[in-house]
Amino acid sequence: YMEHRLLVVYEPERNRYDLSSFFLGHNRSFCQLMEYCASTFEFETKT
């Protein structure tokens, strides 16, 4: 959804993802886009 606006880093040692705003100073839009992503996300369990 966010494409180039989202920077995603995986830290293997800590086994975690870090999602951040790729563009500096775009904090409000990052927060709004993340909230949209969270509200529309559906996890489908594989059978």
ModelCIF file with pLDDT and N, C-alpha, C, O atoms, coordinates in Angstrom:
data_MODEL
#
_entry.id   MODEL 
#
_entity.id                         1 
_entity.type                       polymer 
_entity.pdbx_number_of_molecules   1 
#
_entity_poly.entity_id                      1 
_entity_poly.type                           'polypeptide(L)' 
_entity_poly.nstd_linkage                   no 
_entity_poly.nstd_monomer                   no 
_entity_poly.pdbx_seq_one_letter_code       YMEHRLLVVYEPERNRYDLSSFFLGHNRSFCQLMEYCASTFEFETKT 
_entity_poly.pdbx_seq_one_letter_code_can   YMEHRLLVVYEPERNRYDLSSFFLGHNRSFCQLMEYCASTFEFETKT 
_entity_poly.pdbx_strand_id                 A 
#
loop_
_entity_poly_seq.entity_id 
_entity_poly_seq.num 
_entity_poly_seq.mon_id 
_entity_poly_seq.hetero 
1 1  TYR n 
1 2  MET n 
1 3  GLU n 
1 4  HIS n 
1 5  ARG n 
1 6  LEU n 
1 7  LEU n 
1 8  VAL n 
1 9  VAL n 
1 10 TYR n 
1 11 GLU n 
1 12 PRO n 
1 13 GLU n 
1 14 ARG n 
1 15 ASN n 
1 16 ARG n 
1 17 TYR n 
1 18 ASP n 
1 19 LEU n 
1 20 SER n 
1 21 SER n 
1 22 PHE n 
1 23 PHE n 
1 24 LEU n 
1 25 GLY n 
1 26 HIS n 
1 27 ASN n 
1 28 ARG n 
1 29 SER n 
1 30 PHE n 
1 31 CYS n 
1 32 GLN n 
1 33 LEU n 
1 34 MET n 
1 35 GLU n 
1 36 TYR n 
1 37 CYS n 
1 38 ALA n 
1 39 SER n 
1 40 THR n 
1 41 PHE n 
1 42 GLU n 
1 43 PHE n 
1 44 GLU n 
1 45 THR n 
1 46 LYS n 
1 47 THR n 
#
_struct_asym.id          A 
_struct_asym.entity_id   1 
#
loop_
_ma_qa_metric.id 
_ma_qa_metric.mode 
_ma_qa_metric.name 
_ma_qa_metric.software_group_id 
_ma_qa_metric.type 
1 global pLDDT . pLDDT 
2 local  pLDDT . pLDDT 
#
_ma_qa_metric_global.metric_id      1 
_ma_qa_metric_global.metric_value   90.02 
_ma_qa_metric_global.model_id       1 
_ma_qa_metric_global.ordinal_id     1 
#
loop_
_ma_qa_metric_local.label_asym_id 
_ma_qa_metric_local.label_comp_id 
_ma_qa_metric_local.label_seq_id 
_ma_qa_metric_local.metric_id 
_ma_qa_metric_local.metric_value 
_ma_qa_metric_local.model_id 
_ma_qa_metric_local.ordinal_id 
A TYR 1  2 95.00 1 1  
A MET 2  2 95.00 1 2  
A GLU 3  2 95.00 1 3  
A HIS 4  2 94.00 1 4  
A ARG 5  2 93.00 1 5  
A LEU 6  2 95.00 1 6  
A LEU 7  2 95.00 1 7  
A VAL 8  2 96.00 1 8  
A VAL 9  2 95.00 1 9  
A TYR 10 2 96.00 1 10 
A GLU 11 2 93.00 1 11 
A PRO 12 2 95.00 1 12 
A GLU 13 2 92.00 1 13 
A ARG 14 2 91.00 1 14 
A ASN 15 2 94.00 1 15 
A ARG 16 2 94.00 1 16 
A TYR 17 2 95.00 1 17 
A ASP 18 2 93.00 1 18 
A LEU 19 2 94.00 1 19 
A SER 20 2 91.00 1 20 
A SER 21 2 90.00 1 21 
A PHE 22 2 92.00 1 22 
A PHE 23 2 87.00 1 23 
A LEU 24 2 82.00 1 24 
A GLY 25 2 77.00 1 25 
A HIS 26 2 81.00 1 26 
A ASN 27 2 81.00 1 27 
A ARG 28 2 83.00 1 28 
A SER 29 2 88.00 1 29 
A PHE 30 2 90.00 1 30 
A CYS 31 2 90.00 1 31 
A GLN 32 2 93.00 1 32 
A LEU 33 2 95.00 1 33 
A MET 34 2 95.00 1 34 
A GLU 35 2 96.00 1 35 
A TYR 36 2 97.00 1 36 
A CYS 37 2 97.00 1 37 
A ALA 38 2 96.00 1 38 
A SER 39 2 97.00 1 39 
A THR 40 2 96.00 1 40 
A PHE 41 2 96.00 1 41 
A GLU 42 2 93.00 1 42 
A PHE 43 2 87.00 1 43 
A GLU 44 2 78.00 1 44 
A THR 45 2 68.00 1 45 
A LYS 46 2 65.00 1 46 
A THR 47 2 60.00 1 47 
#
loop_
_atom_site.group_PDB 
_atom_site.id 
_atom_site.type_symbol 
_atom_site.label_atom_id 
_atom_site.label_alt_id 
_atom_site.label_comp_id 
_atom_site.label_asym_id 
_atom_site.label_entity_id 
_atom_site.label_seq_id 
_atom_site.pdbx_PDB_ins_code 
_atom_site.Cartn_x 
_atom_site.Cartn_y 
_atom_site.Cartn_z 
_atom_site.occupancy 
_atom_site.B_iso_or_equiv 
_atom_site.pdbx_formal_charge 
_atom_site.auth_seq_id 
_atom_site.auth_comp_id 
_atom_site.auth_asym_id 
_atom_site.auth_atom_id 
_atom_site.pdbx_PDB_model_num 
ATOM 1   N N  . TYR A 1 1  ? 0.813  -1.215  0.000  1.00 95.00 ? 1  TYR A N  1 
ATOM 2   C CA . TYR A 1 1  ? 0.000  0.000   0.000  1.00 95.00 ? 1  TYR A CA 1 
ATOM 3   C C  . TYR A 1 1  ? 0.849  1.269   0.000  1.00 95.00 ? 1  TYR A C  1 
ATOM 4   O O  . TYR A 1 1  ? 0.586  2.192   -0.770 1.00 95.00 ? 1  TYR A O  1 
ATOM 5   N N  . MET A 1 2  ? 1.852  1.315   0.849  1.00 95.00 ? 2  MET A N  1 
ATOM 6   C CA . MET A 1 2  ? 2.630  2.541   1.020  1.00 95.00 ? 2  MET A CA 1 
ATOM 7   C C  . MET A 1 2  ? 3.769  2.686   0.021  1.00 95.00 ? 2  MET A C  1 
ATOM 8   O O  . MET A 1 2  ? 4.277  3.790   -0.179 1.00 95.00 ? 2  MET A O  1 
ATOM 9   N N  . GLU A 1 3  ? 4.171  1.602   -0.600 1.00 95.00 ? 3  GLU A N  1 
ATOM 10  C CA . GLU A 1 3  ? 5.222  1.588   -1.613 1.00 95.00 ? 3  GLU A CA 1 
ATOM 11  C C  . GLU A 1 3  ? 6.493  2.291   -1.136 1.00 95.00 ? 3  GLU A C  1 
ATOM 12  O O  . GLU A 1 3  ? 7.022  1.958   -0.076 1.00 95.00 ? 3  GLU A O  1 
ATOM 13  N N  . HIS A 1 4  ? 6.984  3.255   -1.906 1.00 94.00 ? 4  HIS A N  1 
ATOM 14  C CA . HIS A 1 4  ? 8.262  3.924   -1.632 1.00 94.00 ? 4  HIS A CA 1 
ATOM 15  C C  . HIS A 1 4  ? 8.239  4.808   -0.386 1.00 94.00 ? 4  HIS A C  1 
ATOM 16  O O  . HIS A 1 4  ? 9.294  5.237   0.082  1.00 94.00 ? 4  HIS A O  1 
ATOM 17  N N  . ARG A 1 5  ? 7.061  5.085   0.153  1.00 93.00 ? 5  ARG A N  1 
ATOM 18  C CA . ARG A 1 5  ? 6.970  5.946   1.345  1.00 93.00 ? 5  ARG A CA 1 
ATOM 19  C C  . ARG A 1 5  ? 7.338  5.209   2.624  1.00 93.00 ? 5  ARG A C  1 
ATOM 20  O O  . ARG A 1 5  ? 7.558  5.833   3.662  1.00 93.00 ? 5  ARG A O  1 
ATOM 21  N N  . LEU A 1 6  ? 7.407  3.870   2.550  1.00 95.00 ? 6  LEU A N  1 
ATOM 22  C CA . LEU A 1 6  ? 7.667  3.062   3.738  1.00 95.00 ? 6  LEU A CA 1 
ATOM 23  C C  . LEU A 1 6  ? 9.047  2.429   3.658  1.00 95.00 ? 6  LEU A C  1 
ATOM 24  O O  . LEU A 1 6  ? 9.387  1.779   2.670  1.00 95.00 ? 6  LEU A O  1 
ATOM 25  N N  . LEU A 1 7  ? 9.836  2.624   4.704  1.00 95.00 ? 7  LEU A N  1 
ATOM 26  C CA . LEU A 1 7  ? 11.136 1.971   4.837  1.00 95.00 ? 7  LEU A CA 1 
ATOM 27  C C  . LEU A 1 7  ? 10.950 0.815   5.816  1.00 95.00 ? 7  LEU A C  1 
ATOM 28  O O  . LEU A 1 7  ? 10.510 1.016   6.948  1.00 95.00 ? 7  LEU A O  1 
ATOM 29  N N  . VAL A 1 8  ? 11.286 -0.397  5.372  1.00 96.00 ? 8  VAL A N  1 
ATOM 30  C CA . VAL A 1 8  ? 11.153 -1.575  6.224  1.00 96.00 ? 8  VAL A CA 1 
ATOM 31  C C  . VAL A 1 8  ? 12.515 -2.214  6.384  1.00 96.00 ? 8  VAL A C  1 
ATOM 32  O O  . VAL A 1 8  ? 13.194 -2.523  5.405  1.00 96.00 ? 8  VAL A O  1 
ATOM 33  N N  . VAL A 1 9  ? 12.903 -2.407  7.624  1.00 95.00 ? 9  VAL A N  1 
ATOM 34  C CA . VAL A 1 9  ? 14.182 -3.033  7.951  1.00 95.00 ? 9  VAL A CA 1 
ATOM 35  C C  . VAL A 1 9  ? 13.885 -4.230  8.849  1.00 95.00 ? 9  VAL A C  1 
ATOM 36  O O  . VAL A 1 9  ? 13.068 -4.149  9.766  1.00 95.00 ? 9  VAL A O  1 
ATOM 37  N N  . TYR A 1 10 ? 14.560 -5.338  8.569  1.00 96.00 ? 10 TYR A N  1 
ATOM 38  C CA . TYR A 1 10 ? 14.463 -6.519  9.423  1.00 96.00 ? 10 TYR A CA 1 
ATOM 39  C C  . TYR A 1 10 ? 15.771 -6.644  10.194 1.00 96.00 ? 10 TYR A C  1 
ATOM 40  O O  . TYR A 1 10 ? 16.854 -6.546  9.617  1.00 96.00 ? 10 TYR A O  1 
ATOM 41  N N  . GLU A 1 11 ? 15.660 -6.860  11.498 1.00 93.00 ? 11 GLU A N  1 
ATOM 42  C CA . GLU A 1 11 ? 16.816 -7.048  12.369 1.00 93.00 ? 11 GLU A CA 1 
ATOM 43  C C  . GLU A 1 11 ? 16.848 -8.510  12.803 1.00 93.00 ? 11 GLU A C  1 
ATOM 44  O O  . GLU A 1 11 ? 16.146 -8.881  13.744 1.00 93.00 ? 11 GLU A O  1 
ATOM 45  N N  . PRO A 1 12 ? 17.652 -9.357  12.134 1.00 95.00 ? 12 PRO A N  1 
ATOM 46  C CA . PRO A 1 12 ? 17.669 -10.783 12.464 1.00 95.00 ? 12 PRO A CA 1 
ATOM 47  C C  . PRO A 1 12 ? 18.061 -11.080 13.907 1.00 95.00 ? 12 PRO A C  1 
ATOM 48  O O  . PRO A 1 12 ? 17.494 -11.977 14.530 1.00 95.00 ? 12 PRO A O  1 
ATOM 49  N N  . GLU A 1 13 ? 19.010 -10.344 14.433 1.00 92.00 ? 13 GLU A N  1 
ATOM 50  C CA . GLU A 1 13 ? 19.477 -10.606 15.797 1.00 92.00 ? 13 GLU A CA 1 
ATOM 51  C C  . GLU A 1 13 ? 18.360 -10.417 16.823 1.00 92.00 ? 13 GLU A C  1 
ATOM 52  O O  . GLU A 1 13 ? 18.287 -11.149 17.810 1.00 92.00 ? 13 GLU A O  1 
ATOM 53  N N  . ARG A 1 14 ? 17.500 -9.442  16.588 1.00 91.00 ? 14 ARG A N  1 
ATOM 54  C CA . ARG A 1 14 ? 16.382 -9.173  17.506 1.00 91.00 ? 14 ARG A CA 1 
ATOM 55  C C  . ARG A 1 14 ? 15.074 -9.779  17.008 1.00 91.00 ? 14 ARG A C  1 
ATOM 56  O O  . ARG A 1 14 ? 14.059 -9.727  17.702 1.00 91.00 ? 14 ARG A O  1 
ATOM 57  N N  . ASN A 1 15 ? 15.097 -10.352 15.813 1.00 94.00 ? 15 ASN A N  1 
ATOM 58  C CA . ASN A 1 15 ? 13.916 -10.939 15.186 1.00 94.00 ? 15 ASN A CA 1 
ATOM 59  C C  . ASN A 1 15 ? 12.747 -9.957  15.191 1.00 94.00 ? 15 ASN A C  1 
ATOM 60  O O  . ASN A 1 15 ? 11.666 -10.251 15.699 1.00 94.00 ? 15 ASN A O  1 
ATOM 61  N N  . ARG A 1 16 ? 12.997 -8.779  14.607 1.00 94.00 ? 16 ARG A N  1 
ATOM 62  C CA . ARG A 1 16 ? 11.940 -7.780  14.560 1.00 94.00 ? 16 ARG A CA 1 
ATOM 63  C C  . ARG A 1 16 ? 12.028 -6.945  13.290 1.00 94.00 ? 16 ARG A C  1 
ATOM 64  O O  . ARG A 1 16 ? 13.065 -6.851  12.634 1.00 94.00 ? 16 ARG A O  1 
ATOM 65  N N  . TYR A 1 17 ? 10.886 -6.347  12.981 1.00 95.00 ? 17 TYR A N  1 
ATOM 66  C CA . TYR A 1 17 ? 10.775 -5.418  11.856 1.00 95.00 ? 17 TYR A CA 1 
ATOM 67  C C  . TYR A 1 17 ? 10.749 -3.998  12.394 1.00 95.00 ? 17 TYR A C  1 
ATOM 68  O O  . TYR A 1 17 ? 10.213 -3.739  13.472 1.00 95.00 ? 17 TYR A O  1 
ATOM 69  N N  . ASP A 1 18 ? 11.329 -3.089  11.640 1.00 93.00 ? 18 ASP A N  1 
ATOM 70  C CA . ASP A 1 18 ? 11.250 -1.671  11.942 1.00 93.00 ? 18 ASP A CA 1 
ATOM 71  C C  . ASP A 1 18 ? 10.619 -1.018  10.723 1.00 93.00 ? 18 ASP A C  1 
ATOM 72  O O  . ASP A 1 18 ? 11.204 -1.026  9.640  1.00 93.00 ? 18 ASP A O  1 
ATOM 73  N N  . LEU A 1 19 ? 9.436  -0.455  10.891 1.00 94.00 ? 19 LEU A N  1 
ATOM 74  C CA . LEU A 1 19 ? 8.724  0.235   9.821  1.00 94.00 ? 19 LEU A CA 1 
ATOM 75  C C  . LEU A 1 19 ? 8.833  1.719   10.099 1.00 94.00 ? 19 LEU A C  1 
ATOM 76  O O  . LEU A 1 19 ? 8.467  2.175   11.183 1.00 94.00 ? 19 LEU A O  1 
ATOM 77  N N  . SER A 1 20 ? 9.327  2.475   9.142  1.00 91.00 ? 20 SER A N  1 
ATOM 78  C CA . SER A 1 20 ? 9.469  3.910   9.362  1.00 91.00 ? 20 SER A CA 1 
ATOM 79  C C  . SER A 1 20 ? 9.130  4.691   8.106  1.00 91.00 ? 20 SER A C  1 
ATOM 80  O O  . SER A 1 20 ? 9.073  4.156   6.999  1.00 91.00 ? 20 SER A O  1 
ATOM 81  N N  . SER A 1 21 ? 8.911  5.955   8.322  1.00 90.00 ? 21 SER A N  1 
ATOM 82  C CA . SER A 1 21 ? 8.658  6.871   7.226  1.00 90.00 ? 21 SER A CA 1 
ATOM 83  C C  . SER A 1 21 ? 9.954  7.012   6.431  1.00 90.00 ? 21 SER A C  1 
ATOM 84  O O  . SER A 1 21 ? 10.988 7.365   6.997  1.00 90.00 ? 21 SER A O  1 
ATOM 85  N N  . PHE A 1 22 ? 9.913  6.743   5.137  1.00 92.00 ? 22 PHE A N  1 
ATOM 86  C CA . PHE A 1 22 ? 11.126 6.882   4.338  1.00 92.00 ? 22 PHE A CA 1 
ATOM 87  C C  . PHE A 1 22 ? 11.516 8.348   4.211  1.00 92.00 ? 22 PHE A C  1 
ATOM 88  O O  . PHE A 1 22 ? 12.699 8.685   4.249  1.00 92.00 ? 22 PHE A O  1 
ATOM 89  N N  . PHE A 1 23 ? 10.527 9.214   4.061  1.00 87.00 ? 23 PHE A N  1 
ATOM 90  C CA . PHE A 1 23 ? 10.806 10.635  3.890  1.00 87.00 ? 23 PHE A CA 1 
ATOM 91  C C  . PHE A 1 23 ? 10.843 11.323  5.246  1.00 87.00 ? 23 PHE A C  1 
ATOM 92  O O  . PHE A 1 23 ? 9.969  11.109  6.086  1.00 87.00 ? 23 PHE A O  1 
ATOM 93  N N  . LEU A 1 24 ? 11.846 12.135  5.450  1.00 82.00 ? 24 LEU A N  1 
ATOM 94  C CA . LEU A 1 24 ? 12.021 12.844  6.709  1.00 82.00 ? 24 LEU A CA 1 
ATOM 95  C C  . LEU A 1 24 ? 10.952 13.919  6.857  1.00 82.00 ? 24 LEU A C  1 
ATOM 96  O O  . LEU A 1 24 ? 10.628 14.627  5.903  1.00 82.00 ? 24 LEU A O  1 
ATOM 97  N N  . GLY A 1 25 ? 10.416 14.029  8.046  1.00 77.00 ? 25 GLY A N  1 
ATOM 98  C CA . GLY A 1 25 ? 9.424  15.062  8.316  1.00 77.00 ? 25 GLY A CA 1 
ATOM 99  C C  . GLY A 1 25 ? 8.027  14.729  7.814  1.00 77.00 ? 25 GLY A C  1 
ATOM 100 O O  . GLY A 1 25 ? 7.152  15.595  7.844  1.00 77.00 ? 25 GLY A O  1 
ATOM 101 N N  . HIS A 1 26 ? 7.785  13.507  7.356  1.00 81.00 ? 26 HIS A N  1 
ATOM 102 C CA . HIS A 1 26 ? 6.463  13.104  6.886  1.00 81.00 ? 26 HIS A CA 1 
ATOM 103 C C  . HIS A 1 26 ? 5.755  12.273  7.955  1.00 81.00 ? 26 HIS A C  1 
ATOM 104 O O  . HIS A 1 26 ? 5.078  11.293  7.645  1.00 81.00 ? 26 HIS A O  1 
ATOM 105 N N  . ASN A 1 27 ? 5.916  12.668  9.193  1.00 81.00 ? 27 ASN A N  1 
ATOM 106 C CA . ASN A 1 27 ? 5.425  11.870  10.309 1.00 81.00 ? 27 ASN A CA 1 
ATOM 107 C C  . ASN A 1 27 ? 3.906  11.743  10.326 1.00 81.00 ? 27 ASN A C  1 
ATOM 108 O O  . ASN A 1 27 ? 3.381  10.646  10.519 1.00 81.00 ? 27 ASN A O  1 
ATOM 109 N N  . ARG A 1 28 ? 3.201  12.842  10.129 1.00 83.00 ? 28 ARG A N  1 
ATOM 110 C CA . ARG A 1 28 ? 1.734  12.786  10.184 1.00 83.00 ? 28 ARG A CA 1 
ATOM 111 C C  . ARG A 1 28 ? 1.190  11.872  9.099  1.00 83.00 ? 28 ARG A C  1 
ATOM 112 O O  . ARG A 1 28 ? 0.319  11.045  9.372  1.00 83.00 ? 28 ARG A O  1 
ATOM 113 N N  . SER A 1 29 ? 1.685  12.004  7.871  1.00 88.00 ? 29 SER A N  1 
ATOM 114 C CA . SER A 1 29 ? 1.169  11.147  6.800  1.00 88.00 ? 29 SER A CA 1 
ATOM 115 C C  . SER A 1 29 ? 1.551  9.687   7.053  1.00 88.00 ? 29 SER A C  1 
ATOM 116 O O  . SER A 1 29 ? 0.762  8.792   6.751  1.00 88.00 ? 29 SER A O  1 
ATOM 117 N N  . PHE A 1 30 ? 2.739  9.426   7.599  1.00 90.00 ? 30 PHE A N  1 
ATOM 118 C CA . PHE A 1 30 ? 3.131  8.063   7.946  1.00 90.00 ? 30 PHE A CA 1 
ATOM 119 C C  . PHE A 1 30 ? 2.133  7.486   8.957  1.00 90.00 ? 30 PHE A C  1 
ATOM 120 O O  . PHE A 1 30 ? 1.667  6.359   8.794  1.00 90.00 ? 30 PHE A O  1 
ATOM 121 N N  . CYS A 1 31 ? 1.812  8.245   9.981  1.00 90.00 ? 31 CYS A N  1 
ATOM 122 C CA . CYS A 1 31 ? 0.885  7.773   11.004 1.00 90.00 ? 31 CYS A CA 1 
ATOM 123 C C  . CYS A 1 31 ? -0.494 7.492   10.410 1.00 90.00 ? 31 CYS A C  1 
ATOM 124 O O  . CYS A 1 31 ? -1.118 6.483   10.739 1.00 90.00 ? 31 CYS A O  1 
ATOM 125 N N  . GLN A 1 32 ? -0.964 8.371   9.548  1.00 93.00 ? 32 GLN A N  1 
ATOM 126 C CA . GLN A 1 32 ? -2.270 8.182   8.925  1.00 93.00 ? 32 GLN A CA 1 
ATOM 127 C C  . GLN A 1 32 ? -2.263 6.961   7.996  1.00 93.00 ? 32 GLN A C  1 
ATOM 128 O O  . GLN A 1 32 ? -3.212 6.177   7.994  1.00 93.00 ? 32 GLN A O  1 
ATOM 129 N N  . LEU A 1 33 ? -1.212 6.805   7.221  1.00 95.00 ? 33 LEU A N  1 
ATOM 130 C CA . LEU A 1 33 ? -1.124 5.657   6.315  1.00 95.00 ? 33 LEU A CA 1 
ATOM 131 C C  . LEU A 1 33 ? -0.996 4.345   7.092  1.00 95.00 ? 33 LEU A C  1 
ATOM 132 O O  . LEU A 1 33 ? -1.583 3.336   6.701  1.00 95.00 ? 33 LEU A O  1 
ATOM 133 N N  . MET A 1 34 ? -0.241 4.350   8.179  1.00 95.00 ? 34 MET A N  1 
ATOM 134 C CA . MET A 1 34 ? -0.112 3.145   8.992  1.00 95.00 ? 34 MET A CA 1 
ATOM 135 C C  . MET A 1 34 ? -1.457 2.787   9.627  1.00 95.00 ? 34 MET A C  1 
ATOM 136 O O  . MET A 1 34 ? -1.806 1.611   9.727  1.00 95.00 ? 34 MET A O  1 
ATOM 137 N N  . GLU A 1 35 ? -2.199 3.789   10.050 1.00 96.00 ? 35 GLU A N  1 
ATOM 138 C CA . GLU A 1 35 ? -3.516 3.507   10.634 1.00 96.00 ? 35 GLU A CA 1 
ATOM 139 C C  . GLU A 1 35 ? -4.448 2.916   9.579  1.00 96.00 ? 35 GLU A C  1 
ATOM 140 O O  . GLU A 1 35 ? -5.213 1.997   9.870  1.00 96.00 ? 35 GLU A O  1 
ATOM 141 N N  . TYR A 1 36 ? -4.386 3.439   8.360  1.00 97.00 ? 36 TYR A N  1 
ATOM 142 C CA . TYR A 1 36 ? -5.196 2.864   7.283  1.00 97.00 ? 36 TYR A CA 1 
ATOM 143 C C  . TYR A 1 36 ? -4.787 1.414   7.024  1.00 97.00 ? 36 TYR A C  1 
ATOM 144 O O  . TYR A 1 36 ? -5.645 0.540   6.897  1.00 97.00 ? 36 TYR A O  1 
ATOM 145 N N  . CYS A 1 37 ? -3.497 1.159   6.948  1.00 97.00 ? 37 CYS A N  1 
ATOM 146 C CA . CYS A 1 37 ? -3.015 -0.209  6.726  1.00 97.00 ? 37 CYS A CA 1 
ATOM 147 C C  . CYS A 1 37 ? -3.475 -1.137  7.843  1.00 97.00 ? 37 CYS A C  1 
ATOM 148 O O  . CYS A 1 37 ? -3.900 -2.262  7.578  1.00 97.00 ? 37 CYS A O  1 
ATOM 149 N N  . ALA A 1 38 ? -3.395 -0.679  9.080  1.00 96.00 ? 38 ALA A N  1 
ATOM 150 C CA . ALA A 1 38 ? -3.823 -1.497  10.215 1.00 96.00 ? 38 ALA A CA 1 
ATOM 151 C C  . ALA A 1 38 ? -5.327 -1.756  10.167 1.00 96.00 ? 38 ALA A C  1 
ATOM 152 O O  . ALA A 1 38 ? -5.782 -2.852  10.494 1.00 96.00 ? 38 ALA A O  1 
ATOM 153 N N  . SER A 1 39 ? -6.099 -0.747  9.759  1.00 97.00 ? 39 SER A N  1 
ATOM 154 C CA . SER A 1 39 ? -7.559 -0.916  9.737  1.00 97.00 ? 39 SER A CA 1 
ATOM 155 C C  . SER A 1 39 ? -8.013 -1.845  8.612  1.00 97.00 ? 39 SER A C  1 
ATOM 156 O O  . SER A 1 39 ? -9.059 -2.484  8.733  1.00 97.00 ? 39 SER A O  1 
ATOM 157 N N  . THR A 1 40 ? -7.259 -1.933  7.535  1.00 96.00 ? 40 THR A N  1 
ATOM 158 C CA . THR A 1 40 ? -7.665 -2.761  6.396  1.00 96.00 ? 40 THR A CA 1 
ATOM 159 C C  . THR A 1 40 ? -6.969 -4.118  6.357  1.00 96.00 ? 40 THR A C  1 
ATOM 160 O O  . THR A 1 40 ? -7.294 -4.955  5.515  1.00 96.00 ? 40 THR A O  1 
ATOM 161 N N  . PHE A 1 41 ? -6.023 -4.341  7.251  1.00 96.00 ? 41 PHE A N  1 
ATOM 162 C CA . PHE A 1 41 ? -5.276 -5.598  7.269  1.00 96.00 ? 41 PHE A CA 1 
ATOM 163 C C  . PHE A 1 41 ? -6.141 -6.731  7.796  1.00 96.00 ? 41 PHE A C  1 
ATOM 164 O O  . PHE A 1 41 ? -6.800 -6.600  8.828  1.00 96.00 ? 41 PHE A O  1 
ATOM 165 N N  . GLU A 1 42 ? -6.129 -7.830  7.084  1.00 93.00 ? 42 GLU A N  1 
ATOM 166 C CA . GLU A 1 42 ? -6.799 -9.067  7.524  1.00 93.00 ? 42 GLU A CA 1 
ATOM 167 C C  . GLU A 1 42 ? -5.804 -10.195 7.377  1.00 93.00 ? 42 GLU A C  1 
ATOM 168 O O  . GLU A 1 42 ? -5.244 -10.403 6.300  1.00 93.00 ? 42 GLU A O  1 
ATOM 169 N N  . PHE A 1 43 ? -5.583 -10.917 8.450  1.00 87.00 ? 43 PHE A N  1 
ATOM 170 C CA . PHE A 1 43 ? -4.657 -12.054 8.418  1.00 87.00 ? 43 PHE A CA 1 
ATOM 171 C C  . PHE A 1 43 ? -5.445 -13.305 8.089  1.00 87.00 ? 43 PHE A C  1 
ATOM 172 O O  . PHE A 1 43 ? -6.399 -13.663 8.779  1.00 87.00 ? 43 PHE A O  1 
ATOM 173 N N  . GLU A 1 44 ? -5.027 -13.955 7.027  1.00 78.00 ? 44 GLU A N  1 
ATOM 174 C CA . GLU A 1 44 ? -5.692 -15.190 6.633  1.00 78.00 ? 44 GLU A CA 1 
ATOM 175 C C  . GLU A 1 44 ? -4.829 -16.363 7.048  1.00 78.00 ? 44 GLU A C  1 
ATOM 176 O O  . GLU A 1 44 ? -3.688 -16.496 6.606  1.00 78.00 ? 44 GLU A O  1 
ATOM 177 N N  . THR A 1 45 ? -5.377 -17.207 7.896  1.00 68.00 ? 45 THR A N  1 
ATOM 178 C CA . THR A 1 45 ? -4.619 -18.391 8.296  1.00 68.00 ? 45 THR A CA 1 
ATOM 179 C C  . THR A 1 45 ? -4.691 -19.417 7.170  1.00 68.00 ? 45 THR A C  1 
ATOM 180 O O  . THR A 1 45 ? -5.734 -19.625 6.551  1.00 68.00 ? 45 THR A O  1 
ATOM 181 N N  . LYS A 1 46 ? -3.558 -20.041 6.929  1.00 65.00 ? 46 LYS A N  1 
ATOM 182 C CA . LYS A 1 46 ? -3.482 -21.038 5.866  1.00 65.00 ? 46 LYS A CA 1 
ATOM 183 C C  . LYS A 1 46 ? -3.984 -22.369 6.396  1.00 65.00 ? 46 LYS A C  1 
ATOM 184 O O  . LYS A 1 46 ? -3.583 -22.826 7.467  1.00 65.00 ? 46 LYS A O  1 
ATOM 185 N N  . THR A 1 47 ? -4.861 -22.975 5.629  1.00 60.00 ? 47 THR A N  1 
ATOM 186 C CA . THR A 1 47 ? -5.329 -24.308 6.002  1.00 60.00 ? 47 THR A CA 1 
ATOM 187 C C  . THR A 1 47 ? -4.695 -25.321 5.071  1.00 60.00 ? 47 THR A C  1 
ATOM 188 O O  . THR A 1 47 ? -4.947 -26.519 5.199  1.00 60.00 ? 47 THR A O  1 
#
